Amino acid sequence: MVNITLNVNKVYVYDEVAKTTTYAGIKMQGDESAYERIFTTDADRMMLERFWAEACSATTEQLKQFIVKVSSHPESHGVELGNNYVAELEMSSSFDTSLTDSIQSSLFSFFVSYIVSKWYKFTNKTEADSYALEATNMMDDVMRKIYHRKKPRRVAV
């Protein structure tokens, strides 16, 4: 068996969510209030915190058969920026460890897309479904990589 650790940094996710929502708000044509409505600010962090907890829960559900240890993410009444998502997974000995960084990247993208999709249900309904689909695609990508196995190798005798 092979153990891998996946770590999703909450600060990096929130920064990427802010960049994504800023870009969408600036680029929206014909809507003067779009930027103010769509861009996530520090004042919105409590709502984003709920979406973060939901993304953690969804990830744990998908990875549960591999989880050895996972960080706790109880519902909070404050914003804990240092509370990253960390999961230690026990993989088959034929798991291709060279995929770990790619899994990490796809998982990060899942968190960003998931949170943006939830935020857009309030602020930018026209793009909410496309981000929800992107989040689903990113989690599917994570799972495909997790289930991928190295080809067996013959040992020379």
N, C-alpha and C. Protein backbone atom coordinates (compact mmCIF):
# COMPACT_ATOMS: atom_id res chain seq x y z
N MET A 1 0.84 -1.19 0.00
CA MET A 1 0.00 0.00 0.00
C MET A 1 0.88 1.25 0.00
N VAL A 2 0.35 2.29 -0.61
CA VAL A 2 1.05 3.57 -0.73
C VAL A 2 0.16 4.64 -0.11
N ASN A 3 0.73 5.48 0.73
CA ASN A 3 -0.02 6.60 1.30
C ASN A 3 0.36 7.89 0.60
N ILE A 4 -0.66 8.70 0.30
CA ILE A 4 -0.42 10.04 -0.25
C ILE A 4 -1.21 11.03 0.60
N THR A 5 -0.76 12.27 0.61
CA THR A 5 -1.45 13.32 1.34
C THR A 5 -1.85 14.41 0.36
N LEU A 6 -3.12 14.78 0.40
CA LEU A 6 -3.63 15.88 -0.42
C LEU A 6 -3.93 17.05 0.51
N ASN A 7 -3.51 18.23 0.10
CA ASN A 7 -3.67 19.42 0.93
C ASN A 7 -4.23 20.54 0.05
N VAL A 8 -5.39 21.06 0.41
CA VAL A 8 -5.98 22.19 -0.29
C VAL A 8 -5.93 23.39 0.65
N ASN A 9 -5.17 24.39 0.25
CA ASN A 9 -4.95 25.58 1.07
C ASN A 9 -6.14 26.54 0.92
N LYS A 10 -6.81 26.80 2.03
CA LYS A 10 -8.01 27.65 2.01
C LYS A 10 -7.71 29.07 1.54
N VAL A 11 -6.60 29.64 1.98
CA VAL A 11 -6.26 31.01 1.57
C VAL A 11 -6.07 31.08 0.06
N TYR A 12 -5.38 30.10 -0.51
CA TYR A 12 -5.17 30.08 -1.96
C TYR A 12 -6.49 29.92 -2.71
N VAL A 13 -7.37 29.08 -2.18
CA VAL A 13 -8.69 28.89 -2.81
C VAL A 13 -9.47 30.20 -2.77
N TYR A 14 -9.53 30.84 -1.60
CA TYR A 14 -10.28 32.09 -1.49
C TYR A 14 -9.69 33.17 -2.39
N ASP A 15 -8.36 33.21 -2.52
CA ASP A 15 -7.72 34.18 -3.42
C ASP A 15 -8.13 33.92 -4.87
N GLU A 16 -8.17 32.66 -5.26
CA GLU A 16 -8.56 32.31 -6.64
C GLU A 16 -10.04 32.60 -6.88
N VAL A 17 -10.88 32.36 -5.88
CA VAL A 17 -12.30 32.71 -5.99
C VAL A 17 -12.44 34.22 -6.17
N ALA A 18 -11.68 35.00 -5.42
CA ALA A 18 -11.72 36.46 -5.55
C ALA A 18 -11.28 36.90 -6.94
N LYS A 19 -10.21 36.30 -7.47
CA LYS A 19 -9.74 36.64 -8.83
C LYS A 19 -10.80 36.31 -9.87
N THR A 20 -11.41 35.14 -9.73
CA THR A 20 -12.43 34.70 -10.69
C THR A 20 -13.64 35.62 -10.67
N THR A 21 -14.11 35.95 -9.49
CA THR A 21 -15.30 36.80 -9.39
C THR A 21 -14.98 38.24 -9.79
N THR A 22 -13.77 38.70 -9.53
CA THR A 22 -13.36 40.04 -9.96
C THR A 22 -13.39 40.13 -11.48
N TYR A 23 -12.76 39.15 -12.11
CA TYR A 23 -12.69 39.13 -13.57
C TYR A 23 -14.10 39.11 -14.18
N ALA A 24 -14.97 38.26 -13.65
CA ALA A 24 -16.34 38.18 -14.18
C ALA A 24 -17.08 39.50 -13.99
N GLY A 25 -16.91 40.11 -12.83
CA GLY A 25 -17.59 41.38 -12.56
C GLY A 25 -17.12 42.50 -13.45
N ILE A 26 -15.82 42.54 -13.73
CA ILE A 26 -15.26 43.59 -14.59
C ILE A 26 -15.68 43.40 -16.04
N LYS A 27 -15.69 42.16 -16.51
CA LYS A 27 -15.93 41.87 -17.92
C LYS A 27 -17.41 41.83 -18.31
N MET A 28 -18.31 41.87 -17.34
CA MET A 28 -19.73 41.78 -17.66
C MET A 28 -20.19 43.06 -18.36
N GLN A 29 -20.71 42.90 -19.55
CA GLN A 29 -21.16 44.04 -20.36
C GLN A 29 -22.59 44.43 -20.02
N GLY A 30 -22.86 45.72 -20.00
CA GLY A 30 -24.22 46.21 -19.86
C GLY A 30 -24.81 46.12 -18.46
N ASP A 31 -23.99 45.86 -17.47
CA ASP A 31 -24.50 45.77 -16.09
C ASP A 31 -23.55 46.57 -15.20
N GLU A 32 -23.92 47.79 -14.94
CA GLU A 32 -23.06 48.70 -14.17
C GLU A 32 -22.78 48.21 -12.75
N SER A 33 -23.71 47.47 -12.17
CA SER A 33 -23.54 47.03 -10.79
C SER A 33 -22.91 45.64 -10.68
N ALA A 34 -22.53 45.04 -11.80
CA ALA A 34 -22.03 43.66 -11.80
C ALA A 34 -20.81 43.48 -10.90
N TYR A 35 -19.85 44.38 -11.02
CA TYR A 35 -18.62 44.22 -10.23
C TYR A 35 -18.94 44.21 -8.74
N GLU A 36 -19.71 45.18 -8.29
CA GLU A 36 -20.05 45.27 -6.86
C GLU A 36 -20.85 44.06 -6.38
N ARG A 37 -21.68 43.52 -7.26
CA ARG A 37 -22.55 42.40 -6.90
C ARG A 37 -21.80 41.07 -6.91
N ILE A 38 -20.91 40.88 -7.88
CA ILE A 38 -20.28 39.58 -8.11
C ILE A 38 -18.99 39.39 -7.32
N PHE A 39 -18.15 40.40 -7.24
CA PHE A 39 -16.85 40.29 -6.58
C PHE A 39 -17.01 39.90 -5.11
N THR A 40 -16.23 38.90 -4.68
CA THR A 40 -16.26 38.50 -3.27
C THR A 40 -15.32 39.38 -2.46
N THR A 41 -15.79 39.85 -1.33
CA THR A 41 -14.98 40.69 -0.46
C THR A 41 -14.78 39.97 0.87
N ASP A 42 -13.97 40.57 1.73
CA ASP A 42 -13.77 39.99 3.06
C ASP A 42 -15.09 39.89 3.82
N ALA A 43 -16.01 40.80 3.55
CA ALA A 43 -17.31 40.78 4.22
C ALA A 43 -18.14 39.55 3.82
N ASP A 44 -17.81 38.96 2.68
CA ASP A 44 -18.53 37.78 2.18
C ASP A 44 -17.95 36.48 2.70
N ARG A 45 -16.88 36.55 3.46
CA ARG A 45 -16.18 35.33 3.87
C ARG A 45 -17.03 34.37 4.69
N MET A 46 -17.97 34.87 5.46
CA MET A 46 -18.82 33.96 6.25
C MET A 46 -19.65 33.06 5.34
N MET A 47 -20.17 33.63 4.25
CA MET A 47 -20.93 32.82 3.30
C MET A 47 -19.99 31.85 2.58
N LEU A 48 -18.82 32.33 2.19
CA LEU A 48 -17.84 31.47 1.52
C LEU A 48 -17.39 30.34 2.44
N GLU A 49 -17.36 30.62 3.73
CA GLU A 49 -16.96 29.60 4.71
C GLU A 49 -17.93 28.41 4.67
N ARG A 50 -19.19 28.70 4.54
CA ARG A 50 -20.18 27.62 4.42
C ARG A 50 -19.94 26.80 3.16
N PHE A 51 -19.64 27.48 2.06
CA PHE A 51 -19.37 26.78 0.80
C PHE A 51 -18.08 25.97 0.89
N TRP A 52 -17.09 26.48 1.62
CA TRP A 52 -15.85 25.75 1.85
C TRP A 52 -16.14 24.44 2.59
N ALA A 53 -16.95 24.53 3.65
CA ALA A 53 -17.29 23.33 4.43
C ALA A 53 -18.04 22.32 3.56
N GLU A 54 -18.92 22.79 2.69
CA GLU A 54 -19.64 21.90 1.78
C GLU A 54 -18.68 21.22 0.80
N ALA A 55 -17.70 21.97 0.29
CA ALA A 55 -16.71 21.39 -0.63
C ALA A 55 -15.86 20.34 0.08
N CYS A 56 -15.50 20.61 1.34
CA CYS A 56 -14.75 19.63 2.13
C CYS A 56 -15.56 18.36 2.32
N SER A 57 -16.82 18.52 2.65
CA SER A 57 -17.70 17.37 2.87
C SER A 57 -17.87 16.56 1.59
N ALA A 58 -18.07 17.23 0.47
CA ALA A 58 -18.23 16.54 -0.82
C ALA A 58 -16.96 15.78 -1.20
N THR A 59 -15.81 16.39 -0.93
CA THR A 59 -14.54 15.74 -1.23
C THR A 59 -14.35 14.51 -0.36
N THR A 60 -14.62 14.64 0.92
CA THR A 60 -14.49 13.50 1.83
C THR A 60 -15.41 12.36 1.40
N GLU A 61 -16.61 12.70 0.99
CA GLU A 61 -17.56 11.67 0.51
C GLU A 61 -16.98 10.92 -0.69
N GLN A 62 -16.40 11.63 -1.62
CA GLN A 62 -15.85 10.99 -2.82
C GLN A 62 -14.63 10.13 -2.50
N LEU A 63 -13.82 10.57 -1.56
CA LEU A 63 -12.55 9.89 -1.26
C LEU A 63 -12.64 8.90 -0.11
N LYS A 64 -13.80 8.73 0.50
CA LYS A 64 -13.92 8.02 1.78
C LYS A 64 -13.34 6.61 1.78
N GLN A 65 -13.39 5.89 0.69
CA GLN A 65 -12.87 4.52 0.71
C GLN A 65 -11.34 4.48 0.80
N PHE A 66 -10.69 5.61 0.54
CA PHE A 66 -9.23 5.67 0.58
C PHE A 66 -8.70 6.38 1.82
N ILE A 67 -9.57 7.07 2.56
CA ILE A 67 -9.14 7.95 3.64
C ILE A 67 -8.63 7.18 4.85
N VAL A 68 -7.42 7.56 5.26
CA VAL A 68 -6.83 7.08 6.51
C VAL A 68 -7.11 8.12 7.59
N LYS A 69 -6.92 9.39 7.20
CA LYS A 69 -7.11 10.50 8.13
C LYS A 69 -7.53 11.72 7.31
N VAL A 70 -8.46 12.50 7.85
CA VAL A 70 -8.90 13.71 7.16
C VAL A 70 -9.09 14.81 8.19
N SER A 71 -8.78 16.04 7.79
CA SER A 71 -8.94 17.17 8.70
C SER A 71 -10.41 17.41 9.00
N SER A 72 -10.67 17.97 10.16
CA SER A 72 -12.03 18.24 10.60
C SER A 72 -12.48 19.60 10.06
N HIS A 73 -13.74 19.67 9.64
CA HIS A 73 -14.29 20.93 9.13
C HIS A 73 -15.70 21.14 9.65
N PRO A 74 -15.83 21.35 10.97
CA PRO A 74 -17.17 21.58 11.52
C PRO A 74 -17.71 22.93 11.07
N GLU A 75 -19.02 23.06 11.09
CA GLU A 75 -19.63 24.36 10.78
C GLU A 75 -19.08 25.38 11.77
N SER A 76 -18.74 26.53 11.26
CA SER A 76 -18.09 27.54 12.08
C SER A 76 -18.90 28.83 12.05
N HIS A 77 -18.76 29.61 13.11
CA HIS A 77 -19.39 30.92 13.15
C HIS A 77 -18.36 32.01 12.94
N GLY A 78 -17.19 31.60 12.48
CA GLY A 78 -16.11 32.53 12.16
C GLY A 78 -15.35 32.00 10.97
N VAL A 79 -14.38 32.77 10.52
CA VAL A 79 -13.58 32.38 9.37
C VAL A 79 -12.21 31.93 9.87
N GLU A 80 -11.89 30.69 9.63
CA GLU A 80 -10.61 30.10 10.04
C GLU A 80 -9.76 29.91 8.80
N LEU A 81 -8.97 30.90 8.43
CA LEU A 81 -8.20 30.82 7.18
C LEU A 81 -7.12 29.76 7.21
N GLY A 82 -6.66 29.37 8.38
CA GLY A 82 -5.61 28.36 8.47
C GLY A 82 -6.14 26.93 8.45
N ASN A 83 -7.45 26.77 8.37
CA ASN A 83 -8.07 25.45 8.43
C ASN A 83 -8.15 24.84 7.02
N ASN A 84 -7.02 24.31 6.54
CA ASN A 84 -6.95 23.72 5.21
C ASN A 84 -7.63 22.36 5.17
N TYR A 85 -7.91 21.88 3.96
CA TYR A 85 -8.41 20.52 3.80
C TYR A 85 -7.20 19.61 3.58
N VAL A 86 -7.02 18.66 4.47
CA VAL A 86 -5.90 17.72 4.37
C VAL A 86 -6.46 16.31 4.51
N ALA A 87 -6.13 15.48 3.53
CA ALA A 87 -6.58 14.09 3.57
C ALA A 87 -5.40 13.17 3.28
N GLU A 88 -5.21 12.22 4.17
CA GLU A 88 -4.21 11.18 3.94
C GLU A 88 -4.96 9.98 3.38
N LEU A 89 -4.51 9.52 2.21
CA LEU A 89 -5.18 8.42 1.52
C LEU A 89 -4.28 7.20 1.44
N GLU A 90 -4.87 6.04 1.61
CA GLU A 90 -4.15 4.79 1.43
C GLU A 90 -4.54 4.23 0.07
N MET A 91 -3.55 4.15 -0.80
CA MET A 91 -3.77 3.73 -2.18
C MET A 91 -3.19 2.34 -2.40
N SER A 92 -3.63 1.72 -3.48
CA SER A 92 -3.09 0.43 -3.88
C SER A 92 -1.60 0.56 -4.17
N SER A 93 -0.87 -0.52 -4.00
CA SER A 93 0.57 -0.48 -4.31
C SER A 93 0.82 -0.25 -5.79
N SER A 94 -0.20 -0.43 -6.63
CA SER A 94 -0.03 -0.17 -8.06
C SER A 94 -0.47 1.26 -8.45
N PHE A 95 -0.77 2.09 -7.45
CA PHE A 95 -1.12 3.48 -7.72
C PHE A 95 0.09 4.20 -8.29
N ASP A 96 -0.14 5.02 -9.29
CA ASP A 96 0.94 5.77 -9.94
C ASP A 96 1.17 7.08 -9.16
N THR A 97 2.18 7.09 -8.30
CA THR A 97 2.43 8.25 -7.44
C THR A 97 2.81 9.50 -8.24
N SER A 98 3.19 9.34 -9.50
CA SER A 98 3.51 10.52 -10.30
C SER A 98 2.26 11.35 -10.59
N LEU A 99 1.08 10.82 -10.31
CA LEU A 99 -0.18 11.56 -10.52
C LEU A 99 -0.58 12.41 -9.32
N THR A 100 0.14 12.30 -8.22
CA THR A 100 -0.26 13.00 -7.00
C THR A 100 -0.37 14.51 -7.19
N ASP A 101 0.62 15.13 -7.83
CA ASP A 101 0.57 16.58 -8.04
C ASP A 101 -0.61 16.98 -8.93
N SER A 102 -0.88 16.17 -9.93
CA SER A 102 -2.00 16.44 -10.83
C SER A 102 -3.34 16.29 -10.09
N ILE A 103 -3.43 15.31 -9.23
CA ILE A 103 -4.63 15.13 -8.40
C ILE A 103 -4.81 16.36 -7.51
N GLN A 104 -3.72 16.80 -6.91
CA GLN A 104 -3.74 17.98 -6.04
C GLN A 104 -4.25 19.20 -6.81
N SER A 105 -3.76 19.39 -8.03
CA SER A 105 -4.17 20.52 -8.85
C SER A 105 -5.65 20.45 -9.22
N SER A 106 -6.11 19.27 -9.61
CA SER A 106 -7.53 19.10 -9.95
C SER A 106 -8.43 19.31 -8.74
N LEU A 107 -7.97 18.87 -7.58
CA LEU A 107 -8.75 19.04 -6.36
C LEU A 107 -8.85 20.53 -6.00
N PHE A 108 -7.77 21.26 -6.16
CA PHE A 108 -7.78 22.71 -5.95
C PHE A 108 -8.82 23.35 -6.88
N SER A 109 -8.79 22.97 -8.16
CA SER A 109 -9.74 23.52 -9.13
C SER A 109 -11.18 23.16 -8.77
N PHE A 110 -11.39 21.96 -8.24
CA PHE A 110 -12.72 21.57 -7.78
C PHE A 110 -13.20 22.54 -6.70
N PHE A 111 -12.37 22.79 -5.70
CA PHE A 111 -12.76 23.68 -4.60
C PHE A 111 -13.12 25.06 -5.13
N VAL A 112 -12.29 25.61 -6.01
CA VAL A 112 -12.55 26.94 -6.55
C VAL A 112 -13.86 26.96 -7.33
N SER A 113 -14.03 26.02 -8.25
CA SER A 113 -15.23 25.99 -9.09
C SER A 113 -16.49 25.74 -8.25
N TYR A 114 -16.38 24.87 -7.26
CA TYR A 114 -17.52 24.57 -6.40
C TYR A 114 -17.96 25.82 -5.65
N ILE A 115 -17.01 26.52 -5.04
CA ILE A 115 -17.34 27.71 -4.26
C ILE A 115 -17.87 28.82 -5.16
N VAL A 116 -17.25 29.02 -6.32
CA VAL A 116 -17.74 30.03 -7.26
C VAL A 116 -19.16 29.69 -7.72
N SER A 117 -19.43 28.42 -8.00
CA SER A 117 -20.77 28.04 -8.46
C SER A 117 -21.82 28.35 -7.38
N LYS A 118 -21.49 28.06 -6.14
CA LYS A 118 -22.42 28.36 -5.04
C LYS A 118 -22.62 29.87 -4.89
N TRP A 119 -21.53 30.64 -4.99
CA TRP A 119 -21.60 32.09 -4.87
C TRP A 119 -22.43 32.68 -6.01
N TYR A 120 -22.22 32.16 -7.22
CA TYR A 120 -22.93 32.68 -8.38
C TYR A 120 -24.43 32.38 -8.34
N LYS A 121 -24.86 31.42 -7.56
CA LYS A 121 -26.30 31.18 -7.43
C LYS A 121 -26.99 32.39 -6.80
N PHE A 122 -26.22 33.19 -6.05
CA PHE A 122 -26.75 34.41 -5.46
C PHE A 122 -26.48 35.64 -6.32
N THR A 123 -25.33 35.66 -7.00
CA THR A 123 -24.86 36.90 -7.61
C THR A 123 -24.79 36.92 -9.13
N ASN A 124 -24.71 35.77 -9.77
CA ASN A 124 -24.49 35.71 -11.22
C ASN A 124 -25.11 34.41 -11.75
N LYS A 125 -26.41 34.31 -11.65
CA LYS A 125 -27.11 33.05 -11.95
C LYS A 125 -26.81 32.50 -13.34
N THR A 126 -26.52 33.36 -14.30
CA THR A 126 -26.29 32.87 -15.67
C THR A 126 -25.04 32.01 -15.78
N GLU A 127 -24.07 32.20 -14.91
CA GLU A 127 -22.83 31.42 -14.97
C GLU A 127 -22.74 30.34 -13.89
N ALA A 128 -23.70 30.28 -13.00
CA ALA A 128 -23.64 29.33 -11.88
C ALA A 128 -23.58 27.88 -12.35
N ASP A 129 -24.41 27.53 -13.31
CA ASP A 129 -24.45 26.14 -13.77
C ASP A 129 -23.16 25.72 -14.46
N SER A 130 -22.54 26.63 -15.20
CA SER A 130 -21.29 26.27 -15.88
C SER A 130 -20.17 26.01 -14.86
N TYR A 131 -20.15 26.76 -13.77
CA TYR A 131 -19.14 26.50 -12.74
C TYR A 131 -19.46 25.23 -11.95
N ALA A 132 -20.74 24.94 -11.76
CA ALA A 132 -21.11 23.68 -11.09
C ALA A 132 -20.69 22.49 -11.95
N LEU A 133 -20.88 22.59 -13.26
CA LEU A 133 -20.45 21.53 -14.16
C LEU A 133 -18.93 21.39 -14.14
N GLU A 134 -18.24 22.51 -14.12
CA GLU A 134 -16.77 22.47 -14.05
C GLU A 134 -16.30 21.81 -12.76
N ALA A 135 -16.96 22.09 -11.65
CA ALA A 135 -16.62 21.45 -10.37
C ALA A 135 -16.82 19.95 -10.47
N THR A 136 -17.93 19.53 -11.05
CA THR A 136 -18.19 18.09 -11.24
C THR A 136 -17.11 17.46 -12.11
N ASN A 137 -16.75 18.14 -13.19
CA ASN A 137 -15.70 17.62 -14.08
C ASN A 137 -14.36 17.50 -13.36
N MET A 138 -14.05 18.46 -12.51
CA MET A 138 -12.77 18.42 -11.78
C MET A 138 -12.76 17.25 -10.79
N MET A 139 -13.87 17.01 -10.10
CA MET A 139 -13.92 15.88 -9.17
C MET A 139 -13.86 14.56 -9.94
N ASP A 140 -14.51 14.49 -11.09
CA ASP A 140 -14.40 13.29 -11.93
C ASP A 140 -12.95 13.05 -12.33
N ASP A 141 -12.24 14.13 -12.65
CA ASP A 141 -10.82 14.03 -13.02
C ASP A 141 -9.99 13.49 -11.85
N VAL A 142 -10.27 14.00 -10.66
CA VAL A 142 -9.58 13.51 -9.45
C VAL A 142 -9.80 12.01 -9.31
N MET A 143 -11.03 11.58 -9.44
CA MET A 143 -11.35 10.17 -9.23
C MET A 143 -10.75 9.27 -10.31
N ARG A 144 -10.74 9.74 -11.57
CA ARG A 144 -10.10 8.96 -12.64
C ARG A 144 -8.62 8.74 -12.34
N LYS A 145 -7.97 9.77 -11.86
CA LYS A 145 -6.54 9.65 -11.55
C LYS A 145 -6.31 8.74 -10.34
N ILE A 146 -7.19 8.83 -9.37
CA ILE A 146 -7.05 7.99 -8.18
C ILE A 146 -7.23 6.51 -8.53
N TYR A 147 -8.14 6.22 -9.43
CA TYR A 147 -8.39 4.82 -9.80
C TYR A 147 -7.42 4.29 -10.86
N HIS A 148 -6.64 5.17 -11.45
CA HIS A 148 -5.66 4.73 -12.46
C HIS A 148 -4.57 3.89 -11.79
N ARG A 149 -4.15 2.84 -12.45
CA ARG A 149 -3.10 1.97 -11.93
C ARG A 149 -1.96 1.87 -12.93
N LYS A 150 -0.76 1.74 -12.40
CA LYS A 150 0.40 1.51 -13.26
C LYS A 150 0.27 0.13 -13.91
N LYS A 151 0.81 0.03 -15.10
CA LYS A 151 0.83 -1.28 -15.76
C LYS A 151 1.77 -2.20 -14.99
N PRO A 152 1.39 -3.46 -14.89
CA PRO A 152 2.29 -4.41 -14.21
C PRO A 152 3.60 -4.54 -14.98
N ARG A 153 4.67 -4.73 -14.25
CA ARG A 153 5.98 -4.90 -14.89
C ARG A 153 6.49 -6.30 -14.59
N ARG A 154 7.06 -6.87 -15.61
CA ARG A 154 7.67 -8.18 -15.42
C ARG A 154 9.06 -7.99 -14.84
N VAL A 155 9.35 -8.80 -13.89
CA VAL A 155 10.66 -8.75 -13.27
C VAL A 155 11.54 -9.77 -13.99
N ALA A 156 12.68 -9.30 -14.48
CA ALA A 156 13.59 -10.21 -15.18
C ALA A 156 14.12 -11.26 -14.21
N VAL A 157 14.12 -12.47 -14.67
CA VAL A 157 14.56 -13.58 -13.82
C VAL A 157 15.97 -13.98 -14.17
